[in-house]
Protein backbone atom coordinates (compact mmCIF):
# COMPACT_ATOMS: atom_id res chain seq x y z
CA MET A 1 17.46 18.42 -34.24
CA LYS A 2 17.35 15.36 -31.99
CA THR A 3 14.13 13.96 -30.59
CA MET A 4 13.82 12.82 -27.01
CA TRP A 5 10.84 10.55 -26.43
CA ALA A 6 8.96 10.79 -23.13
CA PRO A 7 5.69 8.88 -23.73
CA TRP A 8 4.89 8.65 -20.01
CA ARG A 9 4.15 12.40 -20.03
CA MET A 10 1.25 12.03 -22.49
CA GLU A 11 -1.11 10.79 -19.76
CA TYR A 12 -0.38 13.98 -17.77
CA ILE A 13 -0.65 16.28 -20.78
CA LEU A 14 -4.03 14.89 -21.85
CA SER A 15 -5.50 14.57 -18.38
CA ASP A 16 -7.78 17.06 -16.71
CA GLN A 17 -5.75 17.67 -13.56
CA LYS A 18 -8.72 19.38 -11.87
CA SER A 19 -10.88 16.26 -11.89
CA GLY A 20 -10.50 13.15 -9.81
CA PRO A 21 -9.27 12.64 -6.28
CA CYS A 22 -6.47 14.67 -4.75
CA ILE A 23 -3.11 13.04 -5.51
CA PHE A 24 -1.99 13.75 -1.94
CA CYS A 25 -4.97 12.14 -0.22
CA PRO A 26 -3.83 8.54 0.30
CA GLY A 27 -7.17 7.03 1.30
CA ASP A 28 -7.31 3.76 3.22
CA ASP A 29 -6.51 1.32 0.39
CA ARG A 30 -2.76 0.62 0.22
CA ASP A 31 -3.12 -1.66 -2.86
CA GLN A 32 -2.50 1.25 -5.26
CA ASP A 33 0.55 2.71 -3.48
CA GLU A 34 3.11 1.45 -5.98
CA GLU A 35 1.11 2.66 -8.97
CA ARG A 36 0.60 6.04 -7.27
CA LEU A 37 4.30 6.11 -6.24
CA ILE A 38 3.41 6.41 -2.55
CA LEU A 39 6.40 5.42 -0.44
CA PHE A 40 4.92 5.92 3.02
CA VAL A 41 1.64 6.77 4.72
CA GLY A 42 1.70 7.39 8.43
CA LYS A 43 -0.91 8.67 10.86
CA LEU A 44 -0.19 12.33 10.06
CA SER A 45 2.10 12.55 7.02
CA MET A 46 2.94 10.78 3.79
CA VAL A 47 5.73 10.61 1.21
CA ILE A 48 5.11 10.28 -2.52
CA MET A 49 7.47 10.47 -5.48
CA ASN A 50 6.92 13.32 -7.91
CA ARG A 51 5.69 11.68 -11.13
CA TYR A 52 7.15 14.61 -13.12
CA PRO A 53 10.37 15.26 -11.21
CA TYR A 54 12.81 18.14 -11.45
CA ASN A 55 15.54 15.62 -10.73
CA ASN A 56 15.95 11.92 -9.99
CA GLY A 57 14.56 11.10 -6.53
CA HIS A 58 12.27 14.17 -6.28
CA LEU A 59 10.00 13.48 -3.29
CA LEU A 60 6.87 15.18 -2.00
CA VAL A 61 5.99 15.18 1.70
CA ALA A 62 2.42 16.09 2.63
CA PRO A 63 0.10 15.93 5.59
CA VAL A 64 -2.37 13.05 5.36
CA ARG A 65 -5.18 15.47 6.13
CA HIS A 66 -6.34 17.55 3.16
CA VAL A 67 -5.21 21.09 4.07
CA GLY A 68 -3.83 23.91 1.95
CA THR A 69 -2.27 26.27 4.49
CA LEU A 70 0.26 26.04 7.28
CA GLU A 71 -2.23 27.75 9.58
CA SER A 72 -4.60 24.82 9.09
CA LEU A 73 -2.10 22.32 10.52
CA SER A 74 -2.11 21.31 14.17
CA GLU A 75 1.17 21.59 16.09
CA GLU A 76 1.43 17.78 16.03
CA GLU A 77 0.94 17.71 12.24
CA MET A 78 3.59 20.41 11.69
CA LEU A 79 6.14 18.58 13.83
CA ASN A 80 5.37 15.25 12.18
CA LEU A 81 5.57 16.80 8.71
CA LEU A 82 9.00 18.31 9.31
CA GLY A 83 10.16 15.02 10.85
CA MET A 84 9.07 13.25 7.66
CA VAL A 85 11.01 15.79 5.57
CA ARG A 86 14.09 14.94 7.66
CA ARG A 87 13.43 11.20 7.29
CA SER A 88 13.03 11.59 3.51
CA ILE A 89 16.32 13.45 3.23
CA SER A 90 18.00 10.67 5.22
CA ALA A 91 16.51 8.05 2.88
CA LEU A 92 17.76 9.92 -0.18
CA LYS A 93 21.24 10.28 1.35
CA GLU A 94 21.34 6.57 2.12
CA VAL A 95 20.06 5.38 -1.25
CA MET A 96 21.26 8.01 -3.75
CA SER A 97 24.18 9.88 -2.13
CA PRO A 98 23.25 13.38 -3.33
CA GLU A 99 25.62 16.27 -2.71
CA GLY A 100 22.84 18.65 -1.64
CA PHE A 101 19.10 19.28 -1.61
CA ASN A 102 16.53 21.86 -2.59
CA VAL A 103 13.68 21.71 -0.07
CA GLY A 104 10.69 23.96 -0.55
CA LEU A 105 7.03 24.66 -0.03
CA ASN A 106 4.97 26.56 -2.63
CA LEU A 107 1.94 28.20 -1.04
CA GLY A 108 -0.59 29.63 -3.47
CA LYS A 109 -0.89 29.46 -7.24
CA VAL A 110 1.24 32.57 -7.85
CA ALA A 111 4.00 30.96 -5.77
CA GLY A 112 4.03 27.93 -8.07
CA ALA A 113 1.74 25.57 -6.17
CA GLY A 114 0.39 23.04 -8.65
CA VAL A 115 -1.97 21.56 -6.07
CA GLU A 116 -2.63 24.52 -3.81
CA GLU A 117 -5.46 22.90 -1.86
CA HIS A 118 -3.14 20.24 -0.32
CA LEU A 119 0.17 21.66 0.88
CA HIS A 120 3.31 19.62 0.29
CA PHE A 121 7.07 19.97 0.59
CA HIS A 122 9.31 19.30 -2.41
CA ILE A 123 12.61 17.55 -1.70
CA VAL A 124 14.90 17.59 -4.72
CA PRO A 125 18.26 15.82 -4.42
CA ARG A 126 21.10 17.61 -6.22
CA TRP A 127 24.47 16.58 -7.60
CA ASN A 128 27.24 18.71 -9.03
CA GLY A 129 26.62 18.95 -12.76
CA ASP A 130 23.04 17.59 -12.62
CA THR A 131 21.73 20.40 -14.81
CA ASN A 132 22.86 21.04 -18.34
CA TYR A 133 22.01 22.86 -21.55
CA MET A 134 19.10 20.48 -22.33
CA THR A 135 16.94 22.10 -19.63
CA VAL A 136 17.77 25.66 -20.66
CA VAL A 137 17.85 25.34 -24.44
CA GLY A 138 15.57 22.40 -25.13
CA GLU A 139 13.23 22.74 -22.15
CA VAL A 140 13.83 19.05 -21.51
CA ARG A 141 14.95 17.35 -18.31
CA VAL A 142 17.06 14.23 -18.51
CA ILE A 143 16.35 11.86 -15.61
CA PRO A 144 19.00 9.11 -15.60
CA GLU A 145 17.01 6.40 -13.81
CA HIS A 146 13.47 5.18 -14.46
CA ILE A 147 11.09 6.36 -11.72
CA ASN A 148 9.98 2.79 -10.92
CA ASN A 149 13.59 1.77 -10.24
CA THR A 150 14.06 4.72 -7.90
CA TYR A 151 10.78 3.83 -6.15
CA SER A 152 11.99 0.25 -5.60
CA LYS A 153 15.26 1.48 -4.12
CA LEU A 154 13.62 3.96 -1.73
CA LEU A 155 10.62 1.87 -0.60
CA PRO A 156 12.49 -0.41 1.85
CA TYR A 157 13.92 2.60 3.68
CA PHE A 158 10.44 3.96 4.38
CA HIS A 159 9.19 0.63 5.69
CA MET A 160 12.05 0.12 8.15
CA ASN A 161 11.12 0.92 11.77
CA THR A 162 7.44 1.56 11.02
């Protein structure tokens, strides 16, 4: 049996995910954005990279305001949020040239929401052949590029025209 080392996951495994601030609440201090993998914070929506991605370039788009349901969003927030999903897809197309996308919203714990109190869209870029036996048999995902490199490539796109 081969061993695949993923030491960056230990922090997540050992952490108490219920404590601490909401990962989707950006706050006012932009000094921690790179460490938190925040690509963009606007007036109404934000974009953050998924620290534990399904695939390379997995982004999360959330309202800035801490809300857990679509009904809690204003019309302006909903429109802005969907516009940011579109902008994020454009950034991924420009930087990573994916062949498709999975875009989704998990509402409620039974629907798979990991952070159900702050709704967020998942944007997962896809390429032909990007899944393999490792995920099915070994329950391991192979991400070909370090997350910090992907962050550096995407960041300039989110700061253009802002």
